Amino acid sequence: MTKTVTGTYESATQIKNAKNDLIAIGIPQEQIFVDDENQQIKVMIADETEPEIEDILKQHDATSTSVTTS
């Protein structure tokens, strides 16, 4: 099952830093989507990596995070 973890931020710099950290831990760039209009980053992941992804998004001061299942 695939999940989408979404983090909402106040600045583009926070999004860029979060994306760089996600790539550094091995998340493929094609699984990371940046929504500039809503200042969000969305990560398509497998169930087992969800806690790690949420931790990274929160480390960069996400104003909110959510997880949806598809």
C-alpha atoms as a PDB file:
ATOM      1  CA  MET A   1       0.000   0.000   0.000  1.00  0.00           C
ATOM      2  CA  THR A   2       1.260   3.456  -0.841  1.00  0.00           C
ATOM      3  CA  LYS A   3       0.969   6.444   1.452  1.00  0.00           C
ATOM      4  CA  THR A   4       1.467  10.126   0.798  1.00  0.00           C
ATOM      5  CA  VAL A   5       3.032  12.140   3.602  1.00  0.00           C
ATOM      6  CA  THR A   6       2.447  15.873   3.212  1.00  0.00           C
ATOM      7  CA  GLY A   7       4.211  18.677   5.046  1.00  0.00           C
ATOM      8  CA  THR A   8       3.114  22.306   4.876  1.00  0.00           C
ATOM      9  CA  TYR A   9       5.691  25.046   5.356  1.00  0.00           C
ATOM     10  CA  GLU A  10       5.989  28.790   5.704  1.00  0.00           C
ATOM     11  CA  SER A  11       8.953  29.175   3.345  1.00  0.00           C
ATOM     12  CA  ALA A  12      10.468  27.735   0.197  1.00  0.00           C
ATOM     13  CA  THR A  13      13.785  27.368   2.056  1.00  0.00           C
ATOM     14  CA  GLN A  14      12.210  24.944   4.533  1.00  0.00           C
ATOM     15  CA  ILE A  15      10.800  22.901   1.638  1.00  0.00           C
ATOM     16  CA  LYS A  16      14.174  22.822  -0.120  1.00  0.00           C
ATOM     17  CA  ASN A  17      15.966  21.705   3.052  1.00  0.00           C
ATOM     18  CA  ALA A  18      13.388  18.995   3.754  1.00  0.00           C
ATOM     19  CA  LYS A  19      13.648  17.738   0.168  1.00  0.00           C
ATOM     20  CA  ASN A  20      17.444  17.603   0.394  1.00  0.00           C
ATOM     21  CA  ASP A  21      17.235  15.556   3.605  1.00  0.00           C
ATOM     22  CA  LEU A  22      14.719  13.164   2.052  1.00  0.00           C
ATOM     23  CA  ILE A  23      17.017  12.608  -0.916  1.00  0.00           C
ATOM     24  CA  ALA A  24      19.973  12.128   1.456  1.00  0.00           C
ATOM     25  CA  ILE A  25      18.224   9.208   3.189  1.00  0.00           C
ATOM     26  CA  GLY A  26      17.532   7.535  -0.139  1.00  0.00           C
ATOM     27  CA  ILE A  27      14.048   8.681  -1.136  1.00  0.00           C
ATOM     28  CA  PRO A  28      14.039   8.855  -4.957  1.00  0.00           C
ATOM     29  CA  GLN A  29      13.400  12.341  -6.350  1.00  0.00           C
ATOM     30  CA  GLU A  30      10.506  11.002  -8.429  1.00  0.00           C
ATOM     31  CA  GLN A  31       8.671  10.193  -5.175  1.00  0.00           C
ATOM     32  CA  ILE A  32       8.994  13.769  -3.884  1.00  0.00           C
ATOM     33  CA  PHE A  33       6.591  16.431  -5.141  1.00  0.00           C
ATOM     34  CA  VAL A  34       6.815  20.122  -4.303  1.00  0.00           C
ATOM     35  CA  ASP A  35       3.591  22.140  -4.472  1.00  0.00           C
ATOM     36  CA  ASP A  36       4.885  25.719  -4.575  1.00  0.00           C
ATOM     37  CA  GLU A  37       1.412  27.261  -4.644  1.00  0.00           C
ATOM     38  CA  ASN A  38       0.379  25.637  -1.341  1.00  0.00           C
ATOM     39  CA  GLN A  39       3.918  25.566   0.105  1.00  0.00           C
ATOM     40  CA  GLN A  40       3.786  21.814   0.583  1.00  0.00           C
ATOM     41  CA  ILE A  41       6.039  18.856  -0.009  1.00  0.00           C
ATOM     42  CA  LYS A  42       4.442  15.475  -0.707  1.00  0.00           C
ATOM     43  CA  VAL A  43       6.294  12.188  -0.438  1.00  0.00           C
ATOM     44  CA  MET A  44       4.952   8.941  -1.908  1.00  0.00           C
ATOM     45  CA  ILE A  45       6.184   6.087   0.297  1.00  0.00           C
ATOM     46  CA  ALA A  46       5.659   2.523   1.446  1.00  0.00           C
ATOM     47  CA  ASP A  47       4.142   1.983   4.901  1.00  0.00           C
ATOM     48  CA  GLU A  48       7.367   1.121   6.691  1.00  0.00           C
ATOM     49  CA  THR A  49       9.107   4.444   5.976  1.00  0.00           C
ATOM     50  CA  GLU A  50       6.259   6.690   7.146  1.00  0.00           C
ATOM     51  CA  PRO A  51       7.585   7.506  10.654  1.00  0.00           C
ATOM     52  CA  GLU A  52      11.028   8.414   9.323  1.00  0.00           C
ATOM     53  CA  ILE A  53       9.559  10.708   6.649  1.00  0.00           C
ATOM     54  CA  GLU A  54       7.272  12.439   9.151  1.00  0.00           C
ATOM     55  CA  ASP A  55      10.239  12.999  11.483  1.00  0.00           C
ATOM     56  CA  ILE A  56      12.233  14.678   8.708  1.00  0.00           C
ATOM     57  CA  LEU A  57       9.330  16.932   7.733  1.00  0.00           C
ATOM     58  CA  LYS A  58       8.831  17.949  11.369  1.00  0.00           C
ATOM     59  CA  GLN A  59      12.569  18.632  11.827  1.00  0.00           C
ATOM     60  CA  HIS A  60      12.171  21.376   9.246  1.00  0.00           C
ATOM     61  CA  ASP A  61       9.316  22.980  11.204  1.00  0.00           C
ATOM     62  CA  ALA A  62       6.356  21.878   9.106  1.00  0.00           C
ATOM     63  CA  THR A  63       3.302  23.840  10.250  1.00  0.00           C
ATOM     64  CA  SER A  64       1.315  20.644   9.688  1.00  0.00           C
ATOM     65  CA  THR A  65       1.762  17.102   8.436  1.00  0.00           C
ATOM     66  CA  SER A  66      -0.769  14.598   7.157  1.00  0.00           C
ATOM     67  CA  VAL A  67      -0.776  11.051   5.820  1.00  0.00           C
ATOM     68  CA  THR A  68      -3.181   9.722   3.204  1.00  0.00           C
ATOM     69  CA  THR A  69      -3.463   6.182   1.904  1.00  0.00           C
ATOM     70  CA  SER A  70      -4.068   5.336  -1.725  1.00  0.00           C
END
